[in-house]
Amino acid sequence: MQSPLFAFNDSQAPDRYSLQNKQMLRVVLEGHDDILARKGTMVAYQGLVEFDAEYQGRNQARARAYTGEGLDLMRCHGQGTVYFANLAQHIHVLDVEQDGLTVDSGYVLAMDSSLHYEVVAVDSLYGISGSGKYQLNITGRGKVALMTSGAPLLMQVTPDRYVNCDADAIVAWSTGLRVQMQAQTHSSGVWRRRGSTGEGWELSFMGSGFALVQPSELLPPQHAQIGHGVAAQFGMGQQGARGMNQGNVWS
């Protein structure tokens, strides 16, 4: 049998983490190096591989209940090759070193089990926000696979060149950066999305590191709840669109 499909044979890359294609992650397991992956993202595997639910500690469960930020993970272990994908999103593998990585939990596909993660708060001048107020801080040494909607933009941040990003488009950034969430330049403007521009909350990054942005803001899922009252109009807080649809976007 002949077909152009045979050009898409499984990769034989020797690396532990590699991309089968830009929308599929390939991970090699050798029996002593478990990985943690988003539940339900395994699309194929070869070899003797087992998948178990990952226990969530009391502190992690409490933080998730309070902030809505957290990870639903499964532990993958054994010997073989596992392929992961989620909604045909683009996948990117990063090395997490001493500096650490801060990321929205909705964009984490897989990571080494040796890495540690915890929920952190993003500073806001006004004490309220839609997306981006709480994030995951990943530390340790290992690799993490992130997802973006399309090819991303990586912006370098330096002491003399700070960067502002839409809070709905930001995916991850260097943990060492100073970050502040802001809306308008004066407090009376916090309830307006910059007049008729449609732009609202943004994150301002200062220091040395990088910020990763995707070419898409949060998309409304099917059967989404709009929210109620003023909060619904501006998408803010627990009664806004994001708060009413936790875990319903790209998860």
C-alpha atoms as a PDB file:
ATOM      1  CA  MET A   1       0.000   0.000   0.000  1.00  0.00           C
ATOM      2  CA  GLN A   2       1.235   3.474  -0.835  1.00  0.00           C
ATOM      3  CA  SER A   3       0.043   6.796   0.517  1.00  0.00           C
ATOM      4  CA  PRO A   4       1.418  10.182   1.605  1.00  0.00           C
ATOM      5  CA  LEU A   5       0.253   9.114   5.082  1.00  0.00           C
ATOM      6  CA  PHE A   6       3.344   6.928   5.436  1.00  0.00           C
ATOM      7  CA  ALA A   7       5.425  10.091   5.657  1.00  0.00           C
ATOM      8  CA  PHE A   8       3.962  10.502   9.155  1.00  0.00           C
ATOM      9  CA  ASN A   9       5.607   7.405  10.673  1.00  0.00           C
ATOM     10  CA  ASP A  10       6.576   7.567  14.335  1.00  0.00           C
ATOM     11  CA  SER A  11       9.788   9.443  15.031  1.00  0.00           C
ATOM     12  CA  GLN A  12      12.919   7.578  16.151  1.00  0.00           C
ATOM     13  CA  ALA A  13      14.505  10.534  17.956  1.00  0.00           C
ATOM     14  CA  PRO A  14      16.729   9.392  20.863  1.00  0.00           C
ATOM     15  CA  ASP A  15      15.750  12.312  23.123  1.00  0.00           C
ATOM     16  CA  ARG A  16      13.517  11.716  26.127  1.00  0.00           C
ATOM     17  CA  TYR A  17      11.211  14.566  25.032  1.00  0.00           C
ATOM     18  CA  SER A  18      10.757  15.243  21.328  1.00  0.00           C
ATOM     19  CA  LEU A  19       8.047  16.443  18.978  1.00  0.00           C
ATOM     20  CA  GLN A  20       6.451  13.856  16.720  1.00  0.00           C
ATOM     21  CA  ASN A  21       5.078  16.915  14.971  1.00  0.00           C
ATOM     22  CA  LYS A  22       4.298  20.429  16.110  1.00  0.00           C
ATOM     23  CA  GLN A  23       1.037  19.247  17.714  1.00  0.00           C
ATOM     24  CA  MET A  24       2.111  15.925  19.252  1.00  0.00           C
ATOM     25  CA  LEU A  25       4.635  15.222  22.026  1.00  0.00           C
ATOM     26  CA  ARG A  26       6.729  12.025  22.111  1.00  0.00           C
ATOM     27  CA  VAL A  27       8.194  10.914  25.455  1.00  0.00           C
ATOM     28  CA  VAL A  28      10.525   7.940  25.995  1.00  0.00           C
ATOM     29  CA  LEU A  29      10.242   6.173  29.375  1.00  0.00           C
ATOM     30  CA  GLU A  30      13.060   3.932  30.613  1.00  0.00           C
ATOM     31  CA  GLY A  31      11.570   2.521  33.804  1.00  0.00           C
ATOM     32  CA  HIS A  32      13.002   4.946  36.364  1.00  0.00           C
ATOM     33  CA  ASP A  33      11.888   8.358  35.159  1.00  0.00           C
ATOM     34  CA  ASP A  34       8.146   8.909  35.627  1.00  0.00           C
ATOM     35  CA  ILE A  35       6.440  11.859  34.005  1.00  0.00           C
ATOM     36  CA  LEU A  36       3.273  13.722  34.938  1.00  0.00           C
ATOM     37  CA  ALA A  37       0.838  14.496  32.123  1.00  0.00           C
ATOM     38  CA  ARG A  38      -2.527  16.192  31.827  1.00  0.00           C
ATOM     39  CA  LYS A  39      -5.308  13.649  32.268  1.00  0.00           C
ATOM     40  CA  GLY A  40      -6.773  12.361  29.034  1.00  0.00           C
ATOM     41  CA  THR A  41      -3.988  13.604  26.736  1.00  0.00           C
ATOM     42  CA  MET A  42      -2.384  10.242  25.891  1.00  0.00           C
ATOM     43  CA  VAL A  43      -3.200   9.442  22.263  1.00  0.00           C
ATOM     44  CA  ALA A  44      -0.958   6.376  21.742  1.00  0.00           C
ATOM     45  CA  TYR A  45       1.845   4.391  23.360  1.00  0.00           C
ATOM     46  CA  GLN A  46       4.190   1.461  22.774  1.00  0.00           C
ATOM     47  CA  GLY A  47       5.745  -0.835  25.354  1.00  0.00           C
ATOM     48  CA  LEU A  48       4.938  -1.606  28.978  1.00  0.00           C
ATOM     49  CA  VAL A  49       3.587   1.699  30.248  1.00  0.00           C
ATOM     50  CA  GLU A  50       1.116   2.257  33.089  1.00  0.00           C
ATOM     51  CA  PHE A  51      -1.036   5.302  33.815  1.00  0.00           C
ATOM     52  CA  ASP A  52      -2.129   6.140  37.362  1.00  0.00           C
ATOM     53  CA  ALA A  53      -4.013   9.049  38.885  1.00  0.00           C
ATOM     54  CA  GLU A  54      -1.659  11.480  40.609  1.00  0.00           C
ATOM     55  CA  TYR A  55      -2.390  12.135  44.268  1.00  0.00           C
ATOM     56  CA  GLN A  56      -3.041  15.782  45.110  1.00  0.00           C
ATOM     57  CA  GLY A  57      -1.736  16.904  48.493  1.00  0.00           C
ATOM     58  CA  ARG A  58      -3.924  18.704  50.996  1.00  0.00           C
ATOM     59  CA  ASN A  59      -2.217  22.051  50.408  1.00  0.00           C
ATOM     60  CA  GLN A  60      -2.555  21.691  46.634  1.00  0.00           C
ATOM     61  CA  ALA A  61      -6.239  20.779  46.934  1.00  0.00           C
ATOM     62  CA  ARG A  62      -6.878  23.736  49.242  1.00  0.00           C
ATOM     63  CA  ALA A  63      -5.053  26.148  46.926  1.00  0.00           C
ATOM     64  CA  ARG A  64      -7.015  24.910  43.942  1.00  0.00           C
ATOM     65  CA  ALA A  65     -10.349  25.216  45.727  1.00  0.00           C
ATOM     66  CA  TYR A  66      -9.526  28.815  46.673  1.00  0.00           C
ATOM     67  CA  THR A  67      -7.914  30.023  43.424  1.00  0.00           C
ATOM     68  CA  GLY A  68      -9.224  27.729  40.691  1.00  0.00           C
ATOM     69  CA  GLU A  69      -5.599  27.179  39.612  1.00  0.00           C
ATOM     70  CA  GLY A  70      -4.159  23.659  39.579  1.00  0.00           C
ATOM     71  CA  LEU A  71      -3.366  20.591  37.510  1.00  0.00           C
ATOM     72  CA  ASP A  72      -5.320  17.388  36.851  1.00  0.00           C
ATOM     73  CA  LEU A  73      -2.447  14.993  36.284  1.00  0.00           C
ATOM     74  CA  MET A  74      -1.784  11.329  35.662  1.00  0.00           C
ATOM     75  CA  ARG A  75       1.515   9.579  36.398  1.00  0.00           C
ATOM     76  CA  CYS A  76       3.051   7.688  33.483  1.00  0.00           C
ATOM     77  CA  HIS A  77       5.687   5.065  34.273  1.00  0.00           C
ATOM     78  CA  GLY A  78       7.266   1.959  32.800  1.00  0.00           C
ATOM     79  CA  GLN A  79       9.295   1.295  29.669  1.00  0.00           C
ATOM     80  CA  GLY A  80       8.129   2.471  26.299  1.00  0.00           C
ATOM     81  CA  THR A  81       7.132   5.483  24.228  1.00  0.00           C
ATOM     82  CA  VAL A  82       4.081   7.632  24.918  1.00  0.00           C
ATOM     83  CA  TYR A  83       2.472  10.201  22.615  1.00  0.00           C
ATOM     84  CA  PHE A  84       0.504  13.149  24.005  1.00  0.00           C
ATOM     85  CA  ALA A  85      -1.704  15.787  22.356  1.00  0.00           C
ATOM     86  CA  ASN A  86      -4.539  18.106  23.345  1.00  0.00           C
ATOM     87  CA  LEU A  87      -6.963  19.798  20.933  1.00  0.00           C
ATOM     88  CA  ALA A  88      -4.267  19.939  18.226  1.00  0.00           C
ATOM     89  CA  GLN A  89      -2.498  22.735  20.100  1.00  0.00           C
ATOM     90  CA  HIS A  90       1.114  23.591  19.337  1.00  0.00           C
ATOM     91  CA  ILE A  91       3.565  22.015  21.791  1.00  0.00           C
ATOM     92  CA  HIS A  92       6.837  23.433  23.109  1.00  0.00           C
ATOM     93  CA  VAL A  93       9.401  21.749  25.397  1.00  0.00           C
ATOM     94  CA  LEU A  94      11.284  23.937  27.883  1.00  0.00           C
ATOM     95  CA  ASP A  95      14.070  23.225  30.361  1.00  0.00           C
ATOM     96  CA  VAL A  96      13.192  24.397  33.859  1.00  0.00           C
ATOM     97  CA  GLU A  97      16.302  25.344  35.791  1.00  0.00           C
ATOM     98  CA  GLN A  98      17.048  27.332  38.921  1.00  0.00           C
ATOM     99  CA  ASP A  99      15.210  30.417  37.658  1.00  0.00           C
ATOM    100  CA  GLY A 100      11.868  28.591  37.539  1.00  0.00           C
ATOM    101  CA  LEU A 101       8.860  29.039  35.267  1.00  0.00           C
ATOM    102  CA  THR A 102       5.503  30.683  35.991  1.00  0.00           C
ATOM    103  CA  VAL A 103       2.681  29.398  33.796  1.00  0.00           C
ATOM    104  CA  ASP A 104      -1.089  29.309  33.470  1.00  0.00           C
ATOM    105  CA  SER A 105      -2.088  25.746  34.404  1.00  0.00           C
ATOM    106  CA  GLY A 106      -4.336  25.512  31.333  1.00  0.00           C
ATOM    107  CA  TYR A 107      -1.261  25.369  29.084  1.00  0.00           C
ATOM    108  CA  VAL A 108       0.712  22.587  30.809  1.00  0.00           C
ATOM    109  CA  LEU A 109       0.712  19.293  28.882  1.00  0.00           C
ATOM    110  CA  ALA A 110       3.393  17.233  30.665  1.00  0.00           C
ATOM    111  CA  MET A 111       6.437  17.570  32.906  1.00  0.00           C
ATOM    112  CA  ASP A 112       9.075  15.565  34.733  1.00  0.00           C
ATOM    113  CA  SER A 113       7.879  14.184  38.064  1.00  0.00           C
ATOM    114  CA  SER A 114      10.981  15.678  39.713  1.00  0.00           C
ATOM    115  CA  LEU A 115       9.594  19.199  39.236  1.00  0.00           C
ATOM    116  CA  HIS A 116       7.649  20.946  41.986  1.00  0.00           C
ATOM    117  CA  TYR A 117       4.706  23.279  41.416  1.00  0.00           C
ATOM    118  CA  GLU A 118       2.652  25.598  43.604  1.00  0.00           C
ATOM    119  CA  VAL A 119      -0.001  28.294  43.139  1.00  0.00           C
ATOM    120  CA  VAL A 120       1.207  31.903  43.327  1.00  0.00           C
ATOM    121  CA  ALA A 121      -0.667  35.213  43.168  1.00  0.00           C
ATOM    122  CA  VAL A 122       0.043  37.948  40.633  1.00  0.00           C
ATOM    123  CA  ASP A 123       0.121  41.440  42.093  1.00  0.00           C
ATOM    124  CA  SER A 124      -2.832  43.637  41.129  1.00  0.00           C
ATOM    125  CA  LEU A 125      -3.158  47.342  41.801  1.00  0.00           C
ATOM    126  CA  TYR A 126      -6.911  46.952  42.228  1.00  0.00           C
ATOM    127  CA  GLY A 127      -7.327  43.604  43.982  1.00  0.00           C
ATOM    128  CA  ILE A 128      -9.631  42.185  41.293  1.00  0.00           C
ATOM    129  CA  SER A 129      -9.013  40.500  37.976  1.00  0.00           C
ATOM    130  CA  GLY A 130     -10.337  38.184  35.322  1.00  0.00           C
ATOM    131  CA  SER A 131      -7.599  35.875  34.092  1.00  0.00           C
ATOM    132  CA  GLY A 132      -4.032  35.788  35.267  1.00  0.00           C
ATOM    133  CA  LYS A 133      -4.448  36.611  38.959  1.00  0.00           C
ATOM    134  CA  TYR A 134      -3.248  33.159  40.053  1.00  0.00           C
ATOM    135  CA  GLN A 135      -0.631  31.099  38.227  1.00  0.00           C
ATOM    136  CA  LEU A 136       1.535  28.022  38.782  1.00  0.00           C
ATOM    137  CA  ASN A 137       5.173  28.408  39.766  1.00  0.00           C
ATOM    138  CA  ILE A 138       7.222  25.409  38.550  1.00  0.00           C
ATOM    139  CA  THR A 139      10.662  24.919  40.101  1.00  0.00           C
ATOM    140  CA  GLY A 140      13.435  22.327  40.143  1.00  0.00           C
ATOM    141  CA  ARG A 141      15.383  20.766  37.299  1.00  0.00           C
ATOM    142  CA  GLY A 142      13.616  19.023  34.451  1.00  0.00           C
ATOM    143  CA  LYS A 143      11.515  19.539  31.368  1.00  0.00           C
ATOM    144  CA  VAL A 144       7.978  20.787  30.901  1.00  0.00           C
ATOM    145  CA  ALA A 145       5.848  20.684  27.752  1.00  0.00           C
ATOM    146  CA  LEU A 146       3.581  23.682  27.193  1.00  0.00           C
ATOM    147  CA  MET A 147       0.720  24.188  24.737  1.00  0.00           C
ATOM    148  CA  THR A 148      -0.229  27.272  22.747  1.00  0.00           C
ATOM    149  CA  SER A 149      -3.019  28.086  20.321  1.00  0.00           C
ATOM    150  CA  GLY A 150      -0.857  28.564  17.238  1.00  0.00           C
ATOM    151  CA  ALA A 151       2.792  29.558  16.923  1.00  0.00           C
ATOM    152  CA  PRO A 152       3.756  31.712  19.941  1.00  0.00           C
ATOM    153  CA  LEU A 153       5.766  34.878  20.407  1.00  0.00           C
ATOM    154  CA  LEU A 154       8.660  34.821  22.889  1.00  0.00           C
ATOM    155  CA  MET A 155       9.552  38.316  24.106  1.00  0.00           C
ATOM    156  CA  GLN A 156      12.847  38.991  25.851  1.00  0.00           C
ATOM    157  CA  VAL A 157      12.609  41.198  28.937  1.00  0.00           C
ATOM    158  CA  THR A 158      15.642  43.228  30.008  1.00  0.00           C
ATOM    159  CA  PRO A 159      16.145  45.865  32.725  1.00  0.00           C
ATOM    160  CA  ASP A 160      15.892  48.611  30.100  1.00  0.00           C
ATOM    161  CA  ARG A 161      13.126  46.982  28.040  1.00  0.00           C
ATOM    162  CA  TYR A 162      10.009  45.953  29.918  1.00  0.00           C
ATOM    163  CA  VAL A 163       7.128  44.147  28.231  1.00  0.00           C
ATOM    164  CA  ASN A 164       3.330  44.392  28.555  1.00  0.00           C
ATOM    165  CA  CYS A 165       1.098  41.456  27.563  1.00  0.00           C
ATOM    166  CA  ASP A 166      -2.643  40.887  27.444  1.00  0.00           C
ATOM    167  CA  ALA A 167      -3.606  38.808  30.478  1.00  0.00           C
ATOM    168  CA  ASP A 168      -5.666  36.487  28.255  1.00  0.00           C
ATOM    169  CA  ALA A 169      -2.813  35.867  25.785  1.00  0.00           C
ATOM    170  CA  ILE A 170       0.085  35.268  28.193  1.00  0.00           C
ATOM    171  CA  VAL A 171       1.124  31.624  28.578  1.00  0.00           C
ATOM    172  CA  ALA A 172       4.265  31.635  30.745  1.00  0.00           C
ATOM    173  CA  TRP A 173       7.209  33.732  31.906  1.00  0.00           C
ATOM    174  CA  SER A 174      10.488  33.547  33.814  1.00  0.00           C
ATOM    175  CA  THR A 175       9.753  33.336  37.535  1.00  0.00           C
ATOM    176  CA  GLY A 176      12.469  35.874  38.336  1.00  0.00           C
ATOM    177  CA  LEU A 177      10.632  38.694  36.558  1.00  0.00           C
ATOM    178  CA  ARG A 178       8.779  41.367  38.505  1.00  0.00           C
ATOM    179  CA  VAL A 179       5.149  41.204  37.445  1.00  0.00           C
ATOM    180  CA  GLN A 180       2.229  43.553  37.967  1.00  0.00           C
ATOM    181  CA  MET A 181      -1.338  43.270  36.733  1.00  0.00           C
ATOM    182  CA  GLN A 182      -2.822  46.539  35.595  1.00  0.00           C
ATOM    183  CA  ALA A 183      -5.745  47.973  33.657  1.00  0.00           C
ATOM    184  CA  GLN A 184      -6.097  51.712  33.070  1.00  0.00           C
ATOM    185  CA  THR A 185      -3.533  54.213  34.281  1.00  0.00           C
ATOM    186  CA  HIS A 186      -5.998  55.573  36.844  1.00  0.00           C
ATOM    187  CA  SER A 187      -8.307  53.674  39.175  1.00  0.00           C
ATOM    188  CA  SER A 188     -11.547  55.128  37.816  1.00  0.00           C
ATOM    189  CA  GLY A 189     -10.788  53.434  34.495  1.00  0.00           C
ATOM    190  CA  VAL A 190     -10.562  49.907  35.878  1.00  0.00           C
ATOM    191  CA  TRP A 191     -14.218  49.239  35.023  1.00  0.00           C
ATOM    192  CA  ARG A 192     -13.799  50.234  31.363  1.00  0.00           C
ATOM    193  CA  ARG A 193     -12.096  48.118  28.719  1.00  0.00           C
ATOM    194  CA  ARG A 194     -10.147  51.128  27.419  1.00  0.00           C
ATOM    195  CA  GLY A 195     -13.083  52.806  25.841  1.00  0.00           C
ATOM    196  CA  SER A 196     -14.039  51.118  22.568  1.00  0.00           C
ATOM    197  CA  THR A 197     -10.720  49.253  22.050  1.00  0.00           C
ATOM    198  CA  GLY A 198     -11.809  45.994  23.711  1.00  0.00           C
ATOM    199  CA  GLU A 199      -8.524  45.816  25.646  1.00  0.00           C
ATOM    200  CA  GLY A 200      -8.702  45.155  29.377  1.00  0.00           C
ATOM    201  CA  TRP A 201      -6.251  43.619  31.859  1.00  0.00           C
ATOM    202  CA  GLU A 202      -2.576  43.312  31.064  1.00  0.00           C
ATOM    203  CA  LEU A 203       0.552  42.033  32.786  1.00  0.00           C
ATOM    204  CA  SER A 204       3.647  44.211  32.959  1.00  0.00           C
ATOM    205  CA  PHE A 205       7.025  42.394  33.146  1.00  0.00           C
ATOM    206  CA  MET A 206      10.272  43.948  34.394  1.00  0.00           C
ATOM    207  CA  GLY A 207      13.740  42.502  35.015  1.00  0.00           C
ATOM    208  CA  SER A 208      15.643  39.856  33.036  1.00  0.00           C
ATOM    209  CA  GLY A 209      13.938  36.889  31.415  1.00  0.00           C
ATOM    210  CA  PHE A 210      11.232  36.140  28.867  1.00  0.00           C
ATOM    211  CA  ALA A 211       7.464  36.192  28.416  1.00  0.00           C
ATOM    212  CA  LEU A 212       5.678  33.678  26.179  1.00  0.00           C
ATOM    213  CA  VAL A 213       2.522  34.870  24.397  1.00  0.00           C
ATOM    214  CA  GLN A 214       0.138  32.931  22.154  1.00  0.00           C
ATOM    215  CA  PRO A 215      -1.623  34.431  19.102  1.00  0.00           C
ATOM    216  CA  SER A 216      -5.034  33.993  20.682  1.00  0.00           C
ATOM    217  CA  GLU A 217      -6.987  35.171  23.669  1.00  0.00           C
ATOM    218  CA  LEU A 218      -9.284  32.862  25.615  1.00  0.00           C
ATOM    219  CA  LEU A 219     -11.936  31.437  23.323  1.00  0.00           C
ATOM    220  CA  PRO A 220     -15.504  30.855  24.540  1.00  0.00           C
ATOM    221  CA  PRO A 221     -16.221  27.114  24.763  1.00  0.00           C
ATOM    222  CA  GLN A 222     -19.521  25.522  23.840  1.00  0.00           C
ATOM    223  CA  HIS A 223     -22.237  25.859  26.469  1.00  0.00           C
ATOM    224  CA  ALA A 224     -20.309  28.659  28.181  1.00  0.00           C
ATOM    225  CA  GLN A 225     -21.966  30.702  30.890  1.00  0.00           C
ATOM    226  CA  ILE A 226     -21.680  34.430  30.325  1.00  0.00           C
ATOM    227  CA  GLY A 227     -21.824  35.446  33.976  1.00  0.00           C
ATOM    228  CA  HIS A 228     -23.974  37.957  35.822  1.00  0.00           C
ATOM    229  CA  GLY A 229     -24.209  41.732  36.207  1.00  0.00           C
ATOM    230  CA  VAL A 230     -21.321  44.150  35.762  1.00  0.00           C
ATOM    231  CA  ALA A 231     -18.789  41.364  36.265  1.00  0.00           C
ATOM    232  CA  ALA A 232     -20.164  39.558  33.217  1.00  0.00           C
ATOM    233  CA  GLN A 233     -19.731  42.645  31.041  1.00  0.00           C
ATOM    234  CA  PHE A 234     -16.047  42.927  31.869  1.00  0.00           C
ATOM    235  CA  GLY A 235     -15.202  39.250  32.464  1.00  0.00           C
ATOM    236  CA  MET A 236     -13.841  39.884  35.948  1.00  0.00           C
ATOM    237  CA  GLY A 237     -13.851  37.894  39.153  1.00  0.00           C
ATOM    238  CA  GLN A 238     -15.688  34.713  40.063  1.00  0.00           C
ATOM    239  CA  GLN A 239     -18.942  35.951  38.480  1.00  0.00           C
ATOM    240  CA  GLY A 240     -17.287  36.802  35.159  1.00  0.00           C
ATOM    241  CA  ALA A 241     -17.066  34.554  32.114  1.00  0.00           C
ATOM    242  CA  ARG A 242     -13.759  32.983  33.135  1.00  0.00           C
ATOM    243  CA  GLY A 243     -14.816  32.439  36.716  1.00  0.00           C
ATOM    244  CA  MET A 244     -18.068  30.805  35.608  1.00  0.00           C
ATOM    245  CA  ASN A 245     -16.264  28.418  33.250  1.00  0.00           C
ATOM    246  CA  GLN A 246     -13.242  27.197  35.214  1.00  0.00           C
ATOM    247  CA  GLY A 247     -11.569  24.288  33.465  1.00  0.00           C
ATOM    248  CA  ASN A 248     -13.744  24.644  30.368  1.00  0.00           C
ATOM    249  CA  VAL A 249     -11.186  26.293  28.096  1.00  0.00           C
ATOM    250  CA  TRP A 250      -8.457  24.104  26.588  1.00  0.00           C
ATOM    251  CA  SER A 251      -8.734  21.494  29.333  1.00  0.00           C
END
